Amino acid sequence: MRLMMNRVFIVFSSLAAVVGLLFLGWILFTLCSKGLQGLSWDVFTKDLIEGGLRNVIVGQIMMSGIATLIGIPVGILAGIYLQEYGGNSKSTEFLRDLSDVMMSAPSIVVGTFVYAIVVVPTGHTSGWAGVLALFILMVPIIVRTTDDMLNLVPTELREAGIAIGASKYHVTMNIVVRYAKAGILTGILLAFARVVGETAPLIYTSGSSEFWSTDLTSTFPSLTVSIYNLATMPDDKMIQLGWTGAFLLTAMVLIINLLGRYASNKKRAN
């Protein structure tokens, strides 16, 4: 009976995996077939107002990059505190639970929150509001990943460092963090891959512009919001440009995820 149930379970699991892969392949095939049709140098050399995507690609990378630069130290330091200094206190467990809740929170909720505290008081959307929204989405992922990776470091390494007279700070930074750096890097890449493809929070915070801009204090161009807007256009050329933008965004996220997988597999091999 157990053997039969095991075989039935394997068959259903295999079918579910095949169905999932078929839908994923369908989505990727559609993106590639439609997106590649409009791919040209004009996409990278002209702004949205001229029928290209240069300004929105640069804008998306700028907001995601700034959010990452701010979020990396905050997330890593918070993860180090939870694992190395927080202990098992109630406040530490509360912070872990809060981080888990924030990881699963819908991005549109974060967008509306930033809209209420930044956009409404200032009276207009801005690049900095978009950066703040992406920062809030990114930090819990880095915190949780850092916390989990440090938890995997053998206690013996910490004890060895303390035994030779090293301070807690030096043991944490030079031994524990160095041992877990590949896993922490993977978490950072996955966090970046998530925020670089976010649309909902940017609709309410940064908006989007058809013109070139590096001024984060005003409405800022973003690729994801532009794809959303282009998809609703009555012009076939604009819709095609939206497909091309979706293809480029998918390729970007896929490459980042592959880099994260590579870093994780390399760590396991070592």
Protein backbone atom coordinates (compact mmCIF):
# COMPACT_ATOMS: atom_id res chain seq x y z
CA MET A 1 0.00 0.00 0.00
CA ARG A 2 2.81 2.40 0.94
CA LEU A 3 4.68 1.58 -2.25
CA MET A 4 1.58 2.26 -4.35
CA MET A 5 0.89 5.56 -2.58
CA ASN A 6 4.52 6.54 -3.10
CA ARG A 7 4.26 5.88 -6.84
CA VAL A 8 0.99 7.79 -7.10
CA PHE A 9 2.55 10.72 -5.28
CA ILE A 10 5.59 10.68 -7.58
CA VAL A 11 3.35 10.62 -10.67
CA PHE A 12 1.24 13.56 -9.50
CA SER A 13 4.33 15.51 -8.42
CA SER A 14 5.95 14.91 -11.80
CA LEU A 15 2.79 16.00 -13.62
CA ALA A 16 2.59 19.17 -11.52
CA ALA A 17 6.23 19.95 -12.30
CA VAL A 18 5.66 19.38 -16.02
CA VAL A 19 2.58 21.64 -16.03
CA GLY A 20 4.50 24.38 -14.22
CA LEU A 21 7.43 24.12 -16.64
CA LEU A 22 5.06 24.21 -19.63
CA PHE A 23 3.47 27.45 -18.45
CA LEU A 24 6.88 28.93 -17.68
CA GLY A 25 8.14 27.92 -21.11
CA TRP A 26 5.01 29.39 -22.70
CA ILE A 27 5.56 32.71 -20.95
CA LEU A 28 9.25 32.86 -21.87
CA PHE A 29 8.55 31.87 -25.46
CA THR A 30 5.89 34.57 -25.81
CA LEU A 31 8.18 37.20 -24.28
CA CYS A 32 11.09 36.24 -26.51
CA SER A 33 9.07 35.96 -29.74
CA LYS A 34 7.26 39.27 -29.24
CA GLY A 35 10.05 41.15 -27.47
CA LEU A 36 12.82 40.35 -29.93
CA GLN A 37 10.73 41.70 -32.82
CA GLY A 38 11.21 45.27 -31.62
CA LEU A 39 14.79 44.94 -30.37
CA SER A 40 17.13 47.43 -32.05
CA TRP A 41 19.82 49.99 -31.22
CA ASP A 42 17.13 52.67 -31.03
CA VAL A 43 15.78 50.97 -27.94
CA PHE A 44 19.05 51.69 -26.11
CA THR A 45 19.96 55.03 -27.72
CA LYS A 46 16.63 56.89 -27.74
CA ASP A 47 14.33 57.96 -24.93
CA LEU A 48 10.70 56.93 -24.55
CA ILE A 49 9.47 60.13 -26.19
CA GLU A 50 11.49 59.15 -29.30
CA GLY A 51 10.38 55.53 -29.39
CA GLY A 52 13.21 54.07 -27.31
CA LEU A 53 13.72 52.88 -23.74
CA ARG A 54 17.04 54.44 -22.77
CA ASN A 55 15.73 56.84 -20.15
CA VAL A 56 13.44 54.31 -18.45
CA ILE A 57 16.14 51.61 -18.36
CA VAL A 58 18.62 54.03 -16.79
CA GLY A 59 15.95 55.29 -14.39
CA GLN A 60 15.03 51.78 -13.27
CA ILE A 61 18.67 50.87 -12.69
CA MET A 62 19.31 54.12 -10.82
CA MET A 63 16.43 53.69 -8.38
CA SER A 64 17.13 49.99 -7.84
CA GLY A 65 20.87 50.63 -7.49
CA ILE A 66 20.48 53.42 -4.93
CA ALA A 67 17.98 51.36 -2.94
CA THR A 68 20.47 48.48 -2.99
CA LEU A 69 23.41 50.64 -1.89
CA ILE A 70 21.38 51.88 1.08
CA GLY A 71 19.70 48.55 1.82
CA ILE A 72 22.83 46.34 1.82
CA PRO A 73 24.53 47.80 4.93
CA VAL A 74 21.22 48.22 6.76
CA GLY A 75 20.08 44.67 6.02
CA ILE A 76 23.43 43.01 6.73
CA LEU A 77 23.98 44.88 10.00
CA ALA A 78 20.44 44.06 11.13
CA GLY A 79 20.96 40.37 10.28
CA ILE A 80 24.28 40.34 12.16
CA TYR A 81 22.63 41.88 15.20
CA LEU A 82 19.80 39.35 15.23
CA GLN A 83 22.10 36.35 14.97
CA GLU A 84 25.24 37.41 16.83
CA TYR A 85 24.07 39.88 19.46
CA GLY A 86 20.29 39.55 19.82
CA GLY A 87 20.28 36.09 21.35
CA ASN A 88 16.89 34.49 21.94
CA SER A 89 15.21 37.47 23.53
CA LYS A 90 11.59 38.34 22.82
CA SER A 91 12.59 41.52 21.01
CA THR A 92 14.86 39.55 18.68
CA GLU A 93 12.14 37.04 17.86
CA PHE A 94 9.71 39.90 17.31
CA LEU A 95 12.12 41.49 14.82
CA ARG A 96 12.52 38.16 13.01
CA ASP A 97 8.75 37.74 12.78
CA LEU A 98 8.40 41.33 11.59
CA SER A 99 11.02 40.72 8.91
CA ASP A 100 9.13 37.62 7.73
CA VAL A 101 5.88 39.56 7.58
CA MET A 102 7.51 42.35 5.58
CA MET A 103 8.95 39.81 3.14
CA SER A 104 5.48 38.51 2.35
CA ALA A 105 3.75 41.89 2.34
CA PRO A 106 2.25 42.86 -1.05
CA SER A 107 4.41 45.44 -2.77
CA ILE A 108 1.42 47.64 -3.49
CA VAL A 109 0.88 48.03 0.27
CA VAL A 110 4.43 49.36 0.58
CA GLY A 111 3.76 51.65 -2.36
CA THR A 112 0.63 53.13 -0.80
CA PHE A 113 2.46 53.56 2.52
CA VAL A 114 5.26 55.57 0.89
CA TYR A 115 2.64 57.46 -1.12
CA ALA A 116 0.96 58.52 2.12
CA ILE A 117 4.12 59.59 3.95
CA VAL A 118 6.14 61.08 1.07
CA VAL A 119 4.11 61.78 -2.07
CA VAL A 120 1.07 63.34 -0.38
CA PRO A 121 3.07 65.76 1.84
CA THR A 122 5.33 66.82 -1.06
CA GLY A 123 2.46 67.02 -3.54
CA HIS A 124 4.15 65.06 -6.37
CA THR A 125 5.78 61.76 -7.22
CA SER A 126 9.58 61.56 -7.12
CA GLY A 127 12.49 59.23 -7.68
CA TRP A 128 13.40 59.34 -3.99
CA ALA A 129 9.92 58.08 -3.08
CA GLY A 130 10.48 55.16 -5.47
CA VAL A 131 13.88 54.50 -3.91
CA LEU A 132 12.31 54.43 -0.43
CA ALA A 133 9.63 51.96 -1.55
CA LEU A 134 12.23 49.64 -3.12
CA PHE A 135 14.42 49.99 -0.02
CA ILE A 136 11.57 48.87 2.24
CA LEU A 137 10.94 45.85 0.01
CA MET A 138 14.61 44.89 -0.16
CA VAL A 139 15.78 45.15 3.46
CA PRO A 140 13.69 42.29 4.96
CA ILE A 141 15.05 39.86 2.34
CA ILE A 142 18.66 40.79 3.12
CA VAL A 143 18.00 40.69 6.87
CA ARG A 144 16.46 37.22 6.73
CA THR A 145 19.10 35.82 4.39
CA THR A 146 21.97 37.20 6.49
CA ASP A 147 20.38 35.88 9.68
CA ASP A 148 19.93 32.40 8.19
CA MET A 149 23.42 32.24 6.64
CA LEU A 150 25.11 33.27 9.89
CA ASN A 151 23.07 30.67 11.73
CA LEU A 152 24.68 28.00 9.53
CA VAL A 153 28.19 28.97 10.62
CA PRO A 154 29.53 26.31 13.05
CA THR A 155 29.72 27.45 16.66
CA GLU A 156 33.22 25.98 16.84
CA LEU A 157 34.52 28.75 14.57
CA ARG A 158 33.26 31.40 16.95
CA GLU A 159 34.73 29.57 19.94
CA ALA A 160 38.08 29.19 18.18
CA GLY A 161 38.26 32.91 17.50
CA ILE A 162 37.40 33.80 21.08
CA ALA A 163 39.93 31.22 22.35
CA ILE A 164 42.83 33.01 20.63
CA GLY A 165 41.80 36.29 22.23
CA ALA A 166 39.89 37.94 19.38
CA SER A 167 37.11 40.33 20.30
CA LYS A 168 33.47 39.65 19.51
CA TYR A 169 33.60 42.24 16.74
CA HIS A 170 36.63 40.68 15.03
CA VAL A 171 35.24 37.17 15.34
CA THR A 172 31.96 38.29 13.77
CA MET A 173 33.43 40.31 10.91
CA ASN A 174 36.61 38.36 10.10
CA ILE A 175 35.40 34.81 10.72
CA VAL A 176 31.63 34.46 10.81
CA VAL A 177 30.67 36.95 8.09
CA ARG A 178 33.56 35.87 5.86
CA TYR A 179 32.47 32.24 6.15
CA ALA A 180 28.88 33.13 5.17
CA LYS A 181 29.68 35.79 2.53
CA ALA A 182 28.61 33.67 -0.46
CA GLY A 183 25.17 33.04 1.04
CA ILE A 184 24.80 36.70 2.00
CA LEU A 185 25.75 37.74 -1.54
CA THR A 186 23.11 35.37 -2.90
CA GLY A 187 20.49 37.04 -0.71
CA ILE A 188 21.55 40.48 -1.94
CA LEU A 189 21.28 39.41 -5.58
CA LEU A 190 17.85 37.87 -5.02
CA ALA A 191 16.67 41.01 -3.22
CA PHE A 192 17.88 43.17 -6.10
CA ALA A 193 16.22 40.83 -8.61
CA ARG A 194 12.91 41.31 -6.81
CA VAL A 195 12.93 45.09 -6.55
CA VAL A 196 14.26 45.72 -10.06
CA GLY A 197 11.10 44.16 -11.47
CA GLU A 198 8.59 45.87 -9.17
CA THR A 199 5.82 47.92 -10.75
CA ALA A 200 3.04 48.46 -8.23
CA PRO A 201 4.97 50.52 -5.65
CA LEU A 202 6.51 52.74 -8.34
CA ILE A 203 3.14 53.64 -9.84
CA TYR A 204 2.28 55.45 -6.60
CA THR A 205 5.74 56.77 -5.72
CA SER A 206 8.01 57.59 -8.67
CA GLY A 207 5.51 57.62 -11.52
CA SER A 208 7.16 57.62 -14.94
CA SER A 209 8.45 60.15 -17.43
CA GLU A 210 8.94 60.00 -21.18
CA PHE A 211 11.99 62.27 -20.98
CA TRP A 212 15.58 61.78 -19.83
CA SER A 213 16.05 62.72 -16.19
CA THR A 214 18.51 62.12 -13.37
CA ASP A 215 16.71 64.41 -10.92
CA LEU A 216 15.35 62.14 -8.21
CA THR A 217 13.37 64.97 -6.64
CA SER A 218 10.86 64.98 -9.53
CA THR A 219 8.77 62.40 -11.36
CA PHE A 220 11.27 59.79 -12.48
CA PRO A 221 11.36 57.44 -15.50
CA SER A 222 11.04 53.73 -14.72
CA LEU A 223 10.97 50.72 -17.00
CA THR A 224 8.33 48.72 -15.15
CA VAL A 225 5.76 51.52 -14.99
CA SER A 226 6.46 52.37 -18.64
CA ILE A 227 5.78 48.75 -19.65
CA TYR A 228 2.45 48.95 -17.81
CA ASN A 229 1.57 52.21 -19.57
CA LEU A 230 2.71 51.04 -23.02
CA ALA A 231 0.57 47.89 -22.75
CA THR A 232 -2.56 50.07 -22.61
CA MET A 233 -1.66 52.23 -25.60
CA PRO A 234 -3.82 52.01 -28.77
CA ASP A 235 -0.71 52.34 -30.98
CA ASP A 236 0.78 49.00 -32.11
CA LYS A 237 4.30 50.47 -32.10
CA MET A 238 3.96 51.46 -28.46
CA ILE A 239 2.59 48.02 -27.55
CA GLN A 240 5.56 46.44 -29.36
CA LEU A 241 7.91 48.69 -27.38
CA GLY A 242 6.23 47.45 -24.22
CA TRP A 243 6.91 43.83 -25.23
CA THR A 244 10.55 44.71 -25.87
CA GLY A 245 10.81 46.34 -22.46
CA ALA A 246 9.24 43.28 -20.82
CA PHE A 247 11.76 41.04 -22.59
CA LEU A 248 14.71 43.17 -21.42
CA LEU A 249 13.39 43.26 -17.86
CA THR A 250 12.89 39.48 -17.83
CA ALA A 251 16.40 38.93 -19.19
CA MET A 252 17.83 41.22 -16.51
CA VAL A 253 16.03 39.44 -13.67
CA LEU A 254 16.96 36.02 -15.09
CA ILE A 255 20.64 36.91 -15.28
CA ILE A 256 20.65 38.21 -11.70
CA ASN A 257 18.93 35.04 -10.46
CA LEU A 258 21.45 32.87 -12.33
CA LEU A 259 24.30 34.80 -10.71
CA GLY A 260 22.70 34.17 -7.32
CA ARG A 261 22.38 30.45 -8.07
CA TYR A 262 25.98 30.31 -9.23
CA ALA A 263 27.23 31.99 -6.04
CA SER A 264 25.15 29.63 -3.90
CA ASN A 265 26.33 26.50 -5.75
CA LYS A 266 29.94 27.65 -5.59
CA LYS A 267 29.64 28.03 -1.83
CA ARG A 268 28.24 24.50 -1.49
CA ALA A 269 31.05 23.11 -3.65
CA ASN A 270 33.62 24.70 -1.40
